[in-house]
Amino acid sequence: MTEGRPENGMQEVVPAPESLDAAVEGEGQISDRELGVSAVPIETTTPDVAAAEALRWTLPACVLAWIIPGAGHLMVGRRQRALGFGALIIALFVGGLALDGKVYRPVEGDSLSYLAAFGASGVGGLYAAAYVLDLGDGDLSAPYHEYGNTFTLVAGLLNLLVILDAFDFAVLRARAARDGGAAGDDE
């Protein structure tokens, strides 16, 4: 017979204490070793507390990343990514406008225009500024008009992906703060 197991390979059943009083007095008490378990500390943070802590970083980082491309990464301490993504997205959008591209706006009766407007509005503050300043009407006779359309649309869609990346880093930072680790520094 091996330690703690009978010869048939089944675990040995340890009888429970006769009564609650006997268990309290220490008579018939079963140790963790006899049960084959180790003492595992119970996690003190509830899912609600962890979710609230993660939300403290994620929501502001995502909103900031939408308003100003790259700013969400800056908020969570990823400076190199913030500069790279911000410069790329702004250059795409401004380049699209320079190439007489259209900043898509919803048109009543045209369901695809709503989808294109959603994609283009991913650049947030730049889209709002172009909308308010009445930029990005697009000149169909311009030779690079379609390239401009593509640049403005890709800038918005790329920023939506960058927002998700900022969300991931914000959650990583919240978990690291909860666990006592360091996160948020550039690699």
N, C-alpha and C. Protein backbone atom coordinates (compact mmCIF):
# COMPACT_ATOMS: atom_id res chain seq x y z
N MET A 1 0.84 -1.19 0.00
CA MET A 1 0.00 0.00 0.00
C MET A 1 0.89 1.24 0.00
N THR A 2 0.60 2.19 -0.93
CA THR A 2 1.36 3.43 -0.98
C THR A 2 0.80 4.39 0.05
N GLU A 3 1.54 5.45 0.28
CA GLU A 3 1.15 6.41 1.31
C GLU A 3 -0.21 7.03 1.03
N GLY A 4 -1.17 6.81 1.92
CA GLY A 4 -2.49 7.41 1.81
C GLY A 4 -3.41 6.71 0.84
N ARG A 5 -2.97 5.63 0.18
CA ARG A 5 -3.83 4.94 -0.78
C ARG A 5 -3.81 3.43 -0.52
N PRO A 6 -4.95 2.82 -0.55
CA PRO A 6 -4.98 1.36 -0.42
C PRO A 6 -4.47 0.72 -1.71
N GLU A 7 -4.29 -0.59 -1.69
CA GLU A 7 -3.72 -1.30 -2.83
C GLU A 7 -4.59 -1.24 -4.08
N ASN A 8 -5.91 -1.03 -3.97
CA ASN A 8 -6.76 -0.99 -5.14
C ASN A 8 -6.68 0.34 -5.90
N GLY A 9 -5.88 1.29 -5.41
CA GLY A 9 -5.69 2.55 -6.11
C GLY A 9 -6.73 3.61 -5.77
N MET A 10 -7.75 3.26 -5.04
CA MET A 10 -8.79 4.23 -4.64
C MET A 10 -8.30 5.00 -3.43
N GLN A 11 -8.77 6.23 -3.27
CA GLN A 11 -8.39 7.01 -2.10
C GLN A 11 -9.14 6.47 -0.89
N GLU A 12 -8.45 6.51 0.22
CA GLU A 12 -9.05 6.04 1.45
C GLU A 12 -10.02 7.08 1.98
N VAL A 13 -11.18 6.62 2.41
CA VAL A 13 -12.18 7.53 2.96
C VAL A 13 -11.91 7.72 4.43
N VAL A 14 -11.76 8.99 4.83
CA VAL A 14 -11.50 9.31 6.22
C VAL A 14 -12.82 9.67 6.87
N PRO A 15 -13.18 9.02 7.97
CA PRO A 15 -14.48 9.29 8.59
C PRO A 15 -14.55 10.71 9.15
N ALA A 16 -15.72 11.30 9.06
CA ALA A 16 -15.97 12.64 9.58
C ALA A 16 -16.10 12.56 11.09
N PRO A 17 -15.93 13.68 11.78
CA PRO A 17 -16.11 13.67 13.23
C PRO A 17 -17.53 13.26 13.60
N GLU A 18 -17.65 12.65 14.77
CA GLU A 18 -18.95 12.16 15.24
C GLU A 18 -19.95 13.30 15.40
N SER A 19 -19.49 14.42 15.91
CA SER A 19 -20.40 15.54 16.12
C SER A 19 -19.63 16.85 15.94
N LEU A 20 -20.38 17.92 15.89
CA LEU A 20 -19.77 19.23 15.75
C LEU A 20 -18.95 19.57 16.98
N ASP A 21 -19.45 19.18 18.16
CA ASP A 21 -18.72 19.44 19.40
C ASP A 21 -17.38 18.73 19.40
N ALA A 22 -17.34 17.51 18.87
CA ALA A 22 -16.09 16.75 18.83
C ALA A 22 -15.09 17.41 17.89
N ALA A 23 -15.57 17.96 16.77
CA ALA A 23 -14.69 18.63 15.82
C ALA A 23 -14.12 19.91 16.41
N VAL A 24 -14.96 20.63 17.19
CA VAL A 24 -14.51 21.88 17.79
C VAL A 24 -13.48 21.60 18.87
N GLU A 25 -13.68 20.53 19.64
CA GLU A 25 -12.75 20.21 20.71
C GLU A 25 -11.47 19.56 20.18
N GLY A 26 -11.42 19.26 18.89
CA GLY A 26 -10.22 18.69 18.32
C GLY A 26 -10.26 17.19 18.22
N GLU A 27 -11.31 16.56 18.74
CA GLU A 27 -11.41 15.11 18.67
C GLU A 27 -11.91 14.72 17.29
N GLY A 28 -11.23 13.86 16.64
CA GLY A 28 -11.67 13.37 15.34
C GLY A 28 -11.51 14.39 14.23
N GLN A 29 -10.74 15.44 14.49
CA GLN A 29 -10.55 16.48 13.48
C GLN A 29 -9.62 15.97 12.38
N ILE A 30 -9.94 16.29 11.15
CA ILE A 30 -9.18 15.82 10.01
C ILE A 30 -8.26 16.93 9.55
N SER A 31 -6.98 16.63 9.36
CA SER A 31 -6.04 17.65 8.90
C SER A 31 -6.10 17.78 7.39
N ASP A 32 -5.53 18.89 6.90
CA ASP A 32 -5.47 19.10 5.44
C ASP A 32 -4.64 18.01 4.77
N ARG A 33 -3.58 17.56 5.46
CA ARG A 33 -2.72 16.53 4.89
C ARG A 33 -3.49 15.22 4.73
N GLU A 34 -4.31 14.91 5.71
CA GLU A 34 -5.09 13.67 5.63
C GLU A 34 -6.10 13.74 4.48
N LEU A 35 -6.63 14.92 4.23
CA LEU A 35 -7.59 15.08 3.14
C LEU A 35 -6.89 15.17 1.78
N GLY A 36 -5.59 15.42 1.79
CA GLY A 36 -4.87 15.52 0.53
C GLY A 36 -5.01 16.87 -0.14
N VAL A 37 -5.33 17.89 0.64
CA VAL A 37 -5.44 19.23 0.08
C VAL A 37 -4.46 20.13 0.80
N SER A 38 -4.11 21.22 0.16
CA SER A 38 -3.24 22.19 0.81
C SER A 38 -4.06 23.42 1.14
N ALA A 39 -3.58 24.16 2.10
CA ALA A 39 -4.28 25.38 2.49
C ALA A 39 -4.05 26.43 1.42
N VAL A 40 -5.09 26.85 0.75
CA VAL A 40 -5.00 27.85 -0.30
C VAL A 40 -5.67 29.11 0.21
N PRO A 41 -4.96 30.25 0.18
CA PRO A 41 -5.60 31.48 0.66
C PRO A 41 -6.78 31.86 -0.22
N ILE A 42 -7.81 32.32 0.40
CA ILE A 42 -9.01 32.74 -0.32
C ILE A 42 -8.76 34.13 -0.86
N GLU A 43 -9.10 34.33 -2.13
CA GLU A 43 -8.89 35.63 -2.76
C GLU A 43 -9.83 36.64 -2.12
N THR A 44 -9.26 37.77 -1.70
CA THR A 44 -10.05 38.75 -0.97
C THR A 44 -10.77 39.74 -1.87
N THR A 45 -10.36 39.85 -3.13
CA THR A 45 -11.04 40.79 -4.02
C THR A 45 -12.17 40.07 -4.75
N THR A 46 -13.30 40.69 -4.76
CA THR A 46 -14.44 40.12 -5.45
C THR A 46 -14.38 40.54 -6.91
N PRO A 47 -15.10 39.83 -7.79
CA PRO A 47 -15.10 40.24 -9.20
C PRO A 47 -15.59 41.67 -9.39
N ASP A 48 -16.51 42.13 -8.53
CA ASP A 48 -17.01 43.50 -8.67
C ASP A 48 -15.92 44.52 -8.38
N VAL A 49 -15.10 44.26 -7.37
CA VAL A 49 -14.03 45.19 -7.02
C VAL A 49 -12.99 45.20 -8.13
N ALA A 50 -12.64 44.01 -8.64
CA ALA A 50 -11.65 43.93 -9.72
C ALA A 50 -12.17 44.62 -10.98
N ALA A 51 -13.45 44.44 -11.28
CA ALA A 51 -14.03 45.08 -12.46
C ALA A 51 -14.05 46.60 -12.30
N ALA A 52 -14.36 47.08 -11.12
CA ALA A 52 -14.37 48.52 -10.88
C ALA A 52 -12.96 49.10 -11.01
N GLU A 53 -11.98 48.34 -10.53
CA GLU A 53 -10.59 48.81 -10.64
C GLU A 53 -10.16 48.86 -12.10
N ALA A 54 -10.53 47.85 -12.87
CA ALA A 54 -10.18 47.83 -14.29
C ALA A 54 -10.89 48.96 -15.02
N LEU A 55 -12.13 49.22 -14.67
CA LEU A 55 -12.90 50.28 -15.32
C LEU A 55 -12.30 51.65 -15.06
N ARG A 56 -11.64 51.80 -13.91
CA ARG A 56 -11.02 53.08 -13.58
C ARG A 56 -10.00 53.49 -14.64
N TRP A 57 -9.33 52.54 -15.26
CA TRP A 57 -8.34 52.84 -16.30
C TRP A 57 -8.89 52.67 -17.70
N THR A 58 -9.77 51.72 -17.89
CA THR A 58 -10.17 51.38 -19.25
C THR A 58 -11.07 52.42 -19.88
N LEU A 59 -12.09 52.85 -19.18
CA LEU A 59 -13.03 53.80 -19.78
C LEU A 59 -12.36 55.12 -20.16
N PRO A 60 -11.62 55.77 -19.25
CA PRO A 60 -10.95 57.02 -19.66
C PRO A 60 -9.93 56.81 -20.78
N ALA A 61 -9.20 55.68 -20.75
CA ALA A 61 -8.20 55.43 -21.79
C ALA A 61 -8.87 55.25 -23.15
N CYS A 62 -10.00 54.55 -23.18
CA CYS A 62 -10.69 54.33 -24.45
C CYS A 62 -11.31 55.62 -24.99
N VAL A 63 -11.93 56.39 -24.14
CA VAL A 63 -12.53 57.66 -24.58
C VAL A 63 -11.45 58.62 -25.06
N LEU A 64 -10.36 58.69 -24.32
CA LEU A 64 -9.26 59.56 -24.72
C LEU A 64 -8.63 59.10 -26.04
N ALA A 65 -8.51 57.79 -26.21
CA ALA A 65 -7.96 57.24 -27.46
C ALA A 65 -8.87 57.54 -28.64
N TRP A 66 -10.16 57.63 -28.42
CA TRP A 66 -11.09 57.95 -29.50
C TRP A 66 -11.02 59.44 -29.86
N ILE A 67 -10.96 60.29 -28.84
CA ILE A 67 -10.93 61.73 -29.09
C ILE A 67 -9.63 62.16 -29.76
N ILE A 68 -8.50 61.70 -29.21
CA ILE A 68 -7.18 62.06 -29.73
C ILE A 68 -6.43 60.76 -30.02
N PRO A 69 -6.20 60.45 -31.28
CA PRO A 69 -5.51 59.19 -31.59
C PRO A 69 -4.15 59.09 -30.88
N GLY A 70 -3.94 57.98 -30.18
CA GLY A 70 -2.70 57.73 -29.46
C GLY A 70 -2.73 58.17 -28.00
N ALA A 71 -3.69 58.99 -27.61
CA ALA A 71 -3.71 59.51 -26.25
C ALA A 71 -4.06 58.45 -25.21
N GLY A 72 -4.80 57.44 -25.60
CA GLY A 72 -5.13 56.36 -24.66
C GLY A 72 -3.88 55.59 -24.25
N HIS A 73 -3.00 55.35 -25.22
CA HIS A 73 -1.75 54.67 -24.90
C HIS A 73 -0.87 55.55 -24.02
N LEU A 74 -0.90 56.84 -24.26
CA LEU A 74 -0.13 57.76 -23.43
C LEU A 74 -0.62 57.72 -21.99
N MET A 75 -1.92 57.60 -21.81
CA MET A 75 -2.51 57.56 -20.48
C MET A 75 -2.09 56.31 -19.70
N VAL A 76 -1.95 55.20 -20.39
CA VAL A 76 -1.57 53.97 -19.70
C VAL A 76 -0.05 53.74 -19.70
N GLY A 77 0.71 54.75 -20.13
CA GLY A 77 2.15 54.70 -20.01
C GLY A 77 2.89 54.09 -21.20
N ARG A 78 2.25 53.92 -22.31
CA ARG A 78 2.90 53.36 -23.51
C ARG A 78 3.23 54.49 -24.47
N ARG A 79 4.29 55.23 -24.15
CA ARG A 79 4.64 56.44 -24.90
C ARG A 79 5.03 56.17 -26.35
N GLN A 80 5.83 55.15 -26.58
CA GLN A 80 6.27 54.87 -27.95
C GLN A 80 5.09 54.49 -28.84
N ARG A 81 4.21 53.66 -28.32
CA ARG A 81 3.01 53.29 -29.09
C ARG A 81 2.12 54.50 -29.31
N ALA A 82 2.00 55.35 -28.31
CA ALA A 82 1.16 56.54 -28.43
C ALA A 82 1.66 57.44 -29.55
N LEU A 83 2.96 57.67 -29.58
CA LEU A 83 3.52 58.53 -30.63
C LEU A 83 3.40 57.88 -32.01
N GLY A 84 3.68 56.61 -32.09
CA GLY A 84 3.61 55.91 -33.37
C GLY A 84 2.20 55.84 -33.93
N PHE A 85 1.28 55.36 -33.10
CA PHE A 85 -0.11 55.25 -33.57
C PHE A 85 -0.73 56.62 -33.83
N GLY A 86 -0.49 57.56 -32.93
CA GLY A 86 -1.06 58.90 -33.11
C GLY A 86 -0.57 59.56 -34.39
N ALA A 87 0.73 59.50 -34.62
CA ALA A 87 1.29 60.12 -35.83
C ALA A 87 0.76 59.45 -37.10
N LEU A 88 0.69 58.12 -37.09
CA LEU A 88 0.22 57.39 -38.26
C LEU A 88 -1.24 57.71 -38.58
N ILE A 89 -2.09 57.70 -37.57
CA ILE A 89 -3.52 57.93 -37.80
C ILE A 89 -3.78 59.37 -38.23
N ILE A 90 -3.13 60.31 -37.58
CA ILE A 90 -3.32 61.72 -37.95
C ILE A 90 -2.80 61.96 -39.37
N ALA A 91 -1.65 61.37 -39.70
CA ALA A 91 -1.10 61.53 -41.05
C ALA A 91 -2.03 60.92 -42.10
N LEU A 92 -2.60 59.77 -41.80
CA LEU A 92 -3.54 59.16 -42.75
C LEU A 92 -4.76 60.06 -42.98
N PHE A 93 -5.32 60.57 -41.90
CA PHE A 93 -6.53 61.39 -42.02
C PHE A 93 -6.25 62.71 -42.74
N VAL A 94 -5.20 63.40 -42.31
CA VAL A 94 -4.85 64.67 -42.95
C VAL A 94 -4.43 64.44 -44.40
N GLY A 95 -3.69 63.37 -44.65
CA GLY A 95 -3.31 63.02 -46.01
C GLY A 95 -4.51 62.73 -46.88
N GLY A 96 -5.51 62.06 -46.32
CA GLY A 96 -6.75 61.81 -47.06
C GLY A 96 -7.47 63.09 -47.42
N LEU A 97 -7.49 64.03 -46.49
CA LEU A 97 -8.11 65.33 -46.80
C LEU A 97 -7.31 66.08 -47.86
N ALA A 98 -5.99 65.99 -47.79
CA ALA A 98 -5.14 66.66 -48.78
C ALA A 98 -5.32 66.07 -50.17
N LEU A 99 -5.69 64.80 -50.24
CA LEU A 99 -5.92 64.15 -51.53
C LEU A 99 -7.38 64.28 -51.98
N ASP A 100 -8.07 65.27 -51.47
CA ASP A 100 -9.48 65.54 -51.78
C ASP A 100 -10.38 64.36 -51.46
N GLY A 101 -10.06 63.68 -50.36
CA GLY A 101 -10.89 62.56 -49.92
C GLY A 101 -12.13 63.05 -49.22
N LYS A 102 -13.09 62.17 -49.13
CA LYS A 102 -14.37 62.50 -48.51
C LYS A 102 -14.37 62.01 -47.07
N VAL A 103 -14.87 62.86 -46.17
CA VAL A 103 -15.12 62.44 -44.80
C VAL A 103 -16.59 62.02 -44.78
N TYR A 104 -16.80 60.74 -44.67
CA TYR A 104 -18.15 60.19 -44.82
C TYR A 104 -19.07 60.67 -43.71
N ARG A 105 -20.26 61.04 -44.13
CA ARG A 105 -21.32 61.45 -43.21
C ARG A 105 -22.56 60.63 -43.54
N PRO A 106 -23.39 60.36 -42.55
CA PRO A 106 -24.60 59.59 -42.83
C PRO A 106 -25.54 60.34 -43.78
N VAL A 107 -26.06 59.62 -44.75
CA VAL A 107 -27.00 60.18 -45.72
C VAL A 107 -28.30 59.39 -45.58
N GLU A 108 -29.38 60.12 -45.36
CA GLU A 108 -30.68 59.46 -45.17
C GLU A 108 -31.05 58.68 -46.43
N GLY A 109 -31.44 57.43 -46.21
CA GLY A 109 -31.84 56.58 -47.32
C GLY A 109 -30.72 55.72 -47.87
N ASP A 110 -29.47 56.02 -47.49
CA ASP A 110 -28.32 55.25 -47.95
C ASP A 110 -27.73 54.52 -46.74
N SER A 111 -28.09 53.26 -46.58
CA SER A 111 -27.68 52.52 -45.39
C SER A 111 -26.17 52.31 -45.31
N LEU A 112 -25.49 52.18 -46.43
CA LEU A 112 -24.04 51.99 -46.41
C LEU A 112 -23.31 53.26 -45.96
N SER A 113 -23.93 54.41 -46.15
CA SER A 113 -23.28 55.65 -45.71
C SER A 113 -23.16 55.68 -44.18
N TYR A 114 -24.09 55.03 -43.48
CA TYR A 114 -24.01 54.97 -42.02
C TYR A 114 -22.82 54.12 -41.59
N LEU A 115 -22.58 53.05 -42.30
CA LEU A 115 -21.44 52.19 -42.00
C LEU A 115 -20.12 52.91 -42.28
N ALA A 116 -20.05 53.60 -43.41
CA ALA A 116 -18.85 54.36 -43.75
C ALA A 116 -18.63 55.50 -42.76
N ALA A 117 -19.70 56.17 -42.34
CA ALA A 117 -19.59 57.26 -41.37
C ALA A 117 -19.10 56.73 -40.01
N PHE A 118 -19.57 55.55 -39.64
CA PHE A 118 -19.09 54.94 -38.39
C PHE A 118 -17.59 54.67 -38.48
N GLY A 119 -17.14 54.12 -39.59
CA GLY A 119 -15.72 53.84 -39.76
C GLY A 119 -14.89 55.10 -39.76
N ALA A 120 -15.33 56.11 -40.47
CA ALA A 120 -14.58 57.37 -40.55
C ALA A 120 -14.59 58.11 -39.22
N SER A 121 -15.68 57.97 -38.45
CA SER A 121 -15.77 58.69 -37.17
C SER A 121 -14.88 58.07 -36.10
N GLY A 122 -14.21 56.97 -36.43
CA GLY A 122 -13.30 56.35 -35.48
C GLY A 122 -12.14 57.24 -35.07
N VAL A 123 -11.84 58.27 -35.86
CA VAL A 123 -10.76 59.20 -35.49
C VAL A 123 -11.22 60.24 -34.49
N GLY A 124 -12.48 60.22 -34.12
CA GLY A 124 -13.01 61.05 -33.04
C GLY A 124 -12.90 62.53 -33.25
N GLY A 125 -11.94 63.15 -32.57
CA GLY A 125 -11.78 64.60 -32.60
C GLY A 125 -11.49 65.14 -33.99
N LEU A 126 -10.71 64.42 -34.76
CA LEU A 126 -10.41 64.86 -36.13
C LEU A 126 -11.67 64.83 -37.00
N TYR A 127 -12.48 63.80 -36.82
CA TYR A 127 -13.74 63.70 -37.57
C TYR A 127 -14.66 64.85 -37.20
N ALA A 128 -14.77 65.13 -35.89
CA ALA A 128 -15.63 66.23 -35.43
C ALA A 128 -15.14 67.58 -35.97
N ALA A 129 -13.82 67.77 -35.97
CA ALA A 129 -13.26 69.03 -36.49
C ALA A 129 -13.54 69.17 -37.98
N ALA A 130 -13.37 68.09 -38.73
CA ALA A 130 -13.64 68.12 -40.18
C ALA A 130 -15.12 68.36 -40.44
N TYR A 131 -15.97 67.80 -39.60
CA TYR A 131 -17.42 67.98 -39.75
C TYR A 131 -17.82 69.42 -39.46
N VAL A 132 -17.29 69.98 -38.37
CA VAL A 132 -17.63 71.36 -37.98
C VAL A 132 -17.06 72.36 -38.98
N LEU A 133 -15.85 72.14 -39.45
CA LEU A 133 -15.21 73.06 -40.39
C LEU A 133 -15.64 72.80 -41.84
N ASP A 134 -16.52 71.86 -42.03
CA ASP A 134 -17.07 71.49 -43.34
C ASP A 134 -15.95 71.11 -44.32
N LEU A 135 -15.01 70.34 -43.81
CA LEU A 135 -13.92 69.82 -44.64
C LEU A 135 -14.28 68.41 -45.11
N GLY A 136 -13.61 67.96 -46.11
CA GLY A 136 -13.78 66.59 -46.55
C GLY A 136 -15.01 66.33 -47.37
N ASP A 137 -15.42 67.30 -48.19
CA ASP A 137 -16.55 67.07 -49.09
C ASP A 137 -16.13 66.16 -50.24
N GLY A 138 -14.86 66.17 -50.55
CA GLY A 138 -14.34 65.33 -51.63
C GLY A 138 -14.63 65.93 -52.99
N ASP A 139 -13.64 65.97 -53.83
CA ASP A 139 -13.78 66.48 -55.18
C ASP A 139 -13.69 65.29 -56.13
N LEU A 140 -14.82 64.91 -56.71
CA LEU A 140 -14.86 63.75 -57.59
C LEU A 140 -13.97 63.89 -58.82
N SER A 141 -13.68 65.13 -59.23
CA SER A 141 -12.84 65.32 -60.40
C SER A 141 -11.35 65.26 -60.09
N ALA A 142 -11.00 65.24 -58.81
CA ALA A 142 -9.59 65.18 -58.43
C ALA A 142 -9.02 63.80 -58.78
N PRO A 143 -7.79 63.76 -59.29
CA PRO A 143 -7.24 62.48 -59.73
C PRO A 143 -7.00 61.48 -58.59
N TYR A 144 -6.79 61.98 -57.37
CA TYR A 144 -6.49 61.08 -56.25
C TYR A 144 -7.64 60.99 -55.25
N HIS A 145 -8.82 61.31 -55.70
CA HIS A 145 -10.00 61.34 -54.83
C HIS A 145 -10.22 60.01 -54.11
N GLU A 146 -10.14 58.90 -54.83
CA GLU A 146 -10.40 57.59 -54.22
C GLU A 146 -9.34 57.23 -53.19
N TYR A 147 -8.09 57.62 -53.45
CA TYR A 147 -7.04 57.39 -52.46
C TYR A 147 -7.33 58.18 -51.18
N GLY A 148 -7.78 59.41 -51.35
CA GLY A 148 -8.13 60.24 -50.19
C GLY A 148 -9.26 59.63 -49.39
N ASN A 149 -10.29 59.11 -50.10
CA ASN A 149 -11.39 58.44 -49.41
C ASN A 149 -10.87 57.27 -48.59
N THR A 150 -10.00 56.49 -49.21
CA THR A 150 -9.46 55.31 -48.53
C THR A 150 -8.63 55.70 -47.32
N PHE A 151 -7.83 56.74 -47.44
CA PHE A 151 -7.00 57.18 -46.31
C PHE A 151 -7.85 57.62 -45.12
N THR A 152 -8.89 58.43 -45.38
CA THR A 152 -9.71 58.91 -44.26
C THR A 152 -10.47 57.76 -43.61
N LEU A 153 -10.95 56.85 -44.40
CA LEU A 153 -11.69 55.70 -43.86
C LEU A 153 -10.77 54.77 -43.09
N VAL A 154 -9.60 54.49 -43.63
CA VAL A 154 -8.65 53.61 -42.95
C VAL A 154 -8.16 54.24 -41.65
N ALA A 155 -7.99 55.55 -41.62
CA ALA A 155 -7.57 56.23 -40.39
C ALA A 155 -8.58 55.98 -39.28
N GLY A 156 -9.87 56.10 -39.60
CA GLY A 156 -10.90 55.87 -38.60
C GLY A 156 -10.96 54.42 -38.14
N LEU A 157 -10.88 53.49 -39.08
CA LEU A 157 -10.93 52.07 -38.73
C LEU A 157 -9.69 51.65 -37.94
N LEU A 158 -8.54 52.18 -38.33
CA LEU A 158 -7.31 51.86 -37.60
C LEU A 158 -7.38 52.39 -36.17
N ASN A 159 -7.92 53.57 -36.00
CA ASN A 159 -8.03 54.11 -34.64
C ASN A 159 -8.97 53.27 -33.79
N LEU A 160 -10.00 52.70 -34.37
CA LEU A 160 -10.87 51.81 -33.59
C LEU A 160 -10.08 50.60 -33.09
N LEU A 161 -9.19 50.07 -33.91
CA LEU A 161 -8.34 48.97 -33.47
C LEU A 161 -7.34 49.42 -32.41
N VAL A 162 -6.83 50.62 -32.55
CA VAL A 162 -5.89 51.16 -31.57
C VAL A 162 -6.59 51.38 -30.23
N ILE A 163 -7.86 51.75 -30.26
CA ILE A 163 -8.65 51.89 -29.03
C ILE A 163 -8.73 50.55 -28.31
N LEU A 164 -8.94 49.48 -29.05
CA LEU A 164 -8.97 48.14 -28.44
C LEU A 164 -7.61 47.79 -27.84
N ASP A 165 -6.53 48.19 -28.49
CA ASP A 165 -5.20 47.93 -27.96
C ASP A 165 -4.98 48.72 -26.67
N ALA A 166 -5.43 49.97 -26.63
CA ALA A 166 -5.32 50.77 -25.41
C ALA A 166 -6.16 50.15 -24.29
N PHE A 167 -7.31 49.60 -24.64
CA PHE A 167 -8.16 48.90 -23.68
C PHE A 167 -7.40 47.72 -23.07
N ASP A 168 -6.74 46.93 -23.91
CA ASP A 168 -5.98 45.79 -23.41
C ASP A 168 -4.87 46.22 -22.45
N PHE A 169 -4.14 47.28 -22.79
CA PHE A 169 -3.09 47.75 -21.90
C PHE A 169 -3.66 48.35 -20.62
N ALA A 170 -4.81 48.98 -20.68
CA ALA A 170 -5.43 49.52 -19.47
C ALA A 170 -5.85 48.39 -18.53
N VAL A 171 -6.39 47.31 -19.08
CA VAL A 171 -6.76 46.15 -18.27
C VAL A 171 -5.51 45.52 -17.67
N LEU A 172 -4.45 45.41 -18.46
CA LEU A 172 -3.17 44.87 -17.97
C LEU A 172 -2.64 45.72 -16.82
N ARG A 173 -2.75 47.02 -16.96
CA ARG A 173 -2.27 47.92 -15.91
C ARG A 173 -3.11 47.75 -14.64
N ALA A 174 -4.42 47.61 -14.80
CA ALA A 174 -5.29 47.45 -13.64
C ALA A 174 -4.99 46.13 -12.93
N ARG A 175 -4.76 45.06 -13.69
CA ARG A 175 -4.44 43.77 -13.07
C ARG A 175 -3.09 43.84 -12.35
N ALA A 176 -2.12 44.51 -12.97
CA ALA A 176 -0.81 44.62 -12.35
C ALA A 176 -0.89 45.44 -11.07
N ALA A 177 -1.69 46.48 -11.07
CA ALA A 177 -1.87 47.29 -9.86
C ALA A 177 -2.53 46.48 -8.76
N ARG A 178 -3.49 45.65 -9.13
CA ARG A 178 -4.18 44.81 -8.15
C ARG A 178 -3.23 43.76 -7.58
N ASP A 179 -2.37 43.20 -8.43
CA ASP A 179 -1.48 42.11 -8.01
C ASP A 179 -0.15 42.62 -7.47
N GLY A 180 0.09 43.92 -7.53
CA GLY A 180 1.31 44.49 -7.00
C GLY A 180 2.49 44.49 -7.98
N GLY A 181 2.23 44.18 -9.24
CA GLY A 181 3.29 44.18 -10.26
C GLY A 181 3.42 45.53 -10.91
N ALA A 182 4.37 45.61 -11.82
CA ALA A 182 4.58 46.86 -12.57
C ALA A 182 4.14 46.64 -14.00
N ALA A 183 3.30 47.50 -14.50
CA ALA A 183 2.88 47.46 -15.90
C ALA A 183 2.70 48.89 -16.36
N GLY A 184 2.72 49.08 -17.65
CA GLY A 184 2.49 50.40 -18.19
C GLY A 184 3.75 51.09 -18.66
N ASP A 185 4.91 50.49 -18.38
CA ASP A 185 6.15 51.09 -18.87
C ASP A 185 6.41 50.60 -20.26
N ASP A 186 7.01 51.48 -21.08
CA ASP A 186 7.35 51.07 -22.44
C ASP A 186 8.41 50.00 -22.42
N GLU A 187 8.34 49.14 -23.44
CA GLU A 187 9.29 48.05 -23.51
C GLU A 187 10.67 48.51 -23.84
